[in-house]
Structure formats: structure tokens, C-alpha cells
Protein backbone atom coordinates (compact mmCIF):
# COMPACT_ATOMS: atom_id res chain seq x y z
CA UNK A 1 61.00 131.41 -21.55
CA UNK A 2 63.41 130.26 -18.82
CA UNK A 3 63.45 133.71 -17.19
CA UNK A 4 59.65 133.71 -17.07
CA UNK A 5 59.70 130.35 -15.32
CA UNK A 6 62.20 131.60 -12.73
CA UNK A 7 60.06 134.72 -12.07
CA UNK A 8 57.00 132.48 -11.76
CA UNK A 9 58.67 130.17 -9.23
CA UNK A 10 59.97 133.13 -7.18
CA UNK A 11 56.53 134.76 -7.23
CA UNK A 12 54.74 131.63 -6.05
CA UNK A 13 57.40 131.01 -3.38
CA UNK A 14 56.99 134.55 -2.03
CA UNK A 15 53.22 134.25 -1.93
CA UNK A 16 53.48 130.93 -0.08
CA UNK A 17 56.02 132.46 2.34
CA UNK A 18 53.49 135.20 3.10
CA UNK A 19 51.49 132.62 5.06
CA UNK A 20 54.29 132.61 7.65
CA UNK A 21 54.75 136.37 7.92
CA UNK A 22 51.22 137.75 7.61
CA UNK A 23 52.44 141.28 6.98
CA UNK A 24 51.49 141.52 3.25
CA UNK A 25 55.03 142.49 2.18
CA UNK A 26 55.92 139.12 0.67
CA UNK A 27 52.52 138.95 -0.98
CA UNK A 28 53.12 142.27 -2.73
CA UNK A 29 56.61 141.17 -3.82
CA UNK A 30 55.20 137.84 -4.99
CA UNK A 31 52.58 139.55 -7.13
CA UNK A 32 55.30 141.84 -8.47
CA UNK A 33 57.35 138.76 -9.39
CA UNK A 34 54.33 137.28 -11.20
CA UNK A 35 53.99 140.53 -13.16
CA UNK A 36 57.73 140.26 -13.88
CA UNK A 37 57.13 136.71 -15.15
CA UNK A 38 54.52 138.06 -17.55
CA UNK A 39 56.96 140.69 -18.72
CA UNK A 40 59.69 138.07 -19.19
CA UNK A 41 57.33 135.93 -21.25
CA UNK A 42 56.63 138.83 -23.63
CA UNK A 43 59.79 140.94 -23.66
CA UNK A 44 62.71 138.64 -22.93
CA UNK A 45 64.71 141.69 -21.79
CA UNK A 46 66.04 141.24 -18.25
CA UNK A 47 66.32 144.99 -17.58
CA UNK A 48 62.68 145.55 -18.56
CA UNK A 49 61.62 142.56 -16.43
CA UNK A 50 63.41 143.89 -13.33
CA UNK A 51 61.97 147.38 -13.92
CA UNK A 52 58.44 145.96 -14.27
CA UNK A 53 58.94 143.91 -11.08
CA UNK A 54 60.21 146.99 -9.20
CA UNK A 55 57.42 149.29 -10.33
CA UNK A 56 54.70 146.70 -9.67
CA UNK A 57 56.10 145.77 -6.24
CA UNK A 58 56.58 149.35 -5.07
CA UNK A 59 53.15 150.33 -6.38
CA UNK A 60 51.53 147.44 -4.53
CA UNK A 61 53.48 148.14 -1.33
CA UNK A 62 52.53 151.82 -1.37
CA UNK A 63 48.95 151.59 -2.62
CA UNK A 64 47.48 148.16 -1.86
CA UNK A 65 49.29 147.06 1.32
CA UNK A 66 48.02 149.87 3.63
CA UNK A 67 44.44 149.25 2.54
CA UNK A 68 44.79 145.49 3.07
CA UNK A 69 46.32 145.99 6.51
CA UNK A 70 43.49 148.30 7.57
CA UNK A 71 40.90 145.87 6.24
CA UNK A 72 42.24 142.55 7.48
CA UNK A 73 44.66 143.13 10.37
CA UNK A 74 43.18 145.93 12.43
CA UNK A 75 39.62 146.07 11.17
CA UNK A 76 37.49 149.17 11.55
CA UNK A 77 36.81 150.21 15.12
CA UNK A 78 38.70 147.38 16.77
CA UNK A 79 40.07 148.54 20.11
CA UNK A 80 43.28 146.97 21.31
CA UNK A 81 45.44 146.92 24.45
CA UNK A 82 44.55 149.49 27.10
CA UNK A 83 42.11 151.21 24.74
CA UNK A 84 39.89 148.12 24.91
CA UNK A 85 39.55 148.47 28.69
CA UNK A 86 38.04 151.96 28.59
CA UNK A 87 34.34 151.67 29.41
CA UNK A 88 34.76 148.26 31.06
CA UNK A 89 33.39 147.43 34.50
CA UNK A 90 35.80 146.77 37.36
CA UNK A 91 35.42 145.83 41.02
CA UNK A 92 37.23 147.82 43.68
CA UNK A 93 39.55 145.66 45.80
CA UNK A 94 40.68 148.46 48.12
CA UNK A 95 39.50 151.98 48.80
CA UNK A 96 39.95 154.11 45.69
CA UNK A 97 40.46 157.86 45.96
CA UNK A 98 41.99 160.52 43.72
CA UNK A 99 45.52 159.29 44.48
CA UNK A 100 45.51 155.52 45.03
CA UNK A 101 43.54 152.29 45.18
CA UNK A 102 43.15 148.95 43.44
CA UNK A 103 40.53 147.41 41.18
CA UNK A 104 40.05 143.99 39.61
CA UNK A 105 39.84 144.64 35.89
CA UNK A 106 39.71 141.96 33.20
CA UNK A 107 40.85 139.32 35.71
CA UNK A 108 43.90 141.29 36.89
CA UNK A 109 44.52 143.64 39.80
CA UNK A 110 45.22 147.18 38.58
CA UNK A 111 46.27 150.27 40.47
CA UNK A 112 43.48 152.78 40.25
CA UNK A 113 42.41 156.28 41.13
CA UNK A 114 39.05 158.02 41.02
CA UNK A 115 38.36 160.58 38.34
CA UNK A 116 36.97 163.17 40.78
CA UNK A 117 39.30 164.79 43.32
CA UNK A 118 37.08 164.34 46.39
CA UNK A 119 35.50 161.01 45.44
CA UNK A 120 36.23 158.01 47.69
CA UNK A 121 35.01 154.61 46.48
CA UNK A 122 34.65 151.78 49.00
CA UNK A 123 35.89 148.21 48.38
CA UNK A 124 33.41 145.94 46.62
CA UNK A 125 31.92 148.73 44.51
CA UNK A 126 31.47 148.22 40.78
CA UNK A 127 33.11 151.06 38.86
CA UNK A 128 33.51 152.07 35.23
CA UNK A 129 36.94 152.62 33.70
CA UNK A 130 37.06 156.13 32.26
CA UNK A 131 40.64 156.02 30.98
CA UNK A 132 43.93 154.18 31.35
CA UNK A 133 46.77 156.45 32.44
CA UNK A 134 50.01 154.49 32.20
CA UNK A 135 49.44 151.45 34.41
CA UNK A 136 46.65 153.10 36.39
CA UNK A 137 42.94 152.75 35.71
CA UNK A 138 41.05 156.01 36.20
CA UNK A 139 37.58 154.98 37.41
CA UNK A 140 34.21 156.47 38.25
CA UNK A 141 31.51 155.06 40.50
CA UNK A 142 28.80 156.54 38.29
CA UNK A 143 27.96 154.58 35.10
């Protein structure tokens, strides 16, 4: 029964530690330790307990963790970083042509270029971000 208590304490400690990491690894290991505690309570064989812990932890890490990360951390259709700026409106700060220019986008000044080769966009024009190429916003004057 002592081994089961140790597994139980380790499992709860790992689950509590997950609050600090937020990556779902410690949670999966904690659940594996709780399964190991159940095995220790019934079998009393340390080798079986470690094997049960290993199989449960690896199974949870491989099967459950990716699904949890998709569901809770990224969420479906959530755009991040530069991807979130595509489709946003920006204001031209300087003349924007196919090679250079500047726009105010999301409160910051970005280097920019127009999407069309011959298109010149005057300062003060509202433009739409078509793509982000490195640190340059590719913009279009048409919506």
C-alpha cells in the first residue's frame, strides 16, 4: 500500500505542476502516475507498476496530448503572428510602389510594397494587407 501512496502523491504533484507549464506533458505523466498508483494498489509488483505507468504515460502523450493542444492552446482557425495581419486595413505613411513604401499597420510602422508592379499608392490611402513577406507588408489599394 505504501507504493500506491507514493504513486498517488507523485501523480497529484505532477498534475499540480502542470498549472505552471501549461504544455500538457506533466498532466499526462501525472495521470500515468495515478494509473500506476491503481496498479500498485492491486498488484504490489514494482516492475508491473512502472510498466503500467510507462504505457499509460506514453499512450496519453501520443494520443491525448495532441488533441488537447489543438483544442485548448491553438483553437480552430485562430490566426497568429503575421498570419493574423493578412486582410487587415493599413494606412500608407509614405508613397508605396512595387519596391518600397511604409504603412501604419496594427499601431506600428511597417515597410510595404504594392502587390501590382505598376501600382503607386499615395500617402494617407487606406490599403488592405494581402500578405506578409518577411518584414514587408504586401498591400493593395483595392478592398
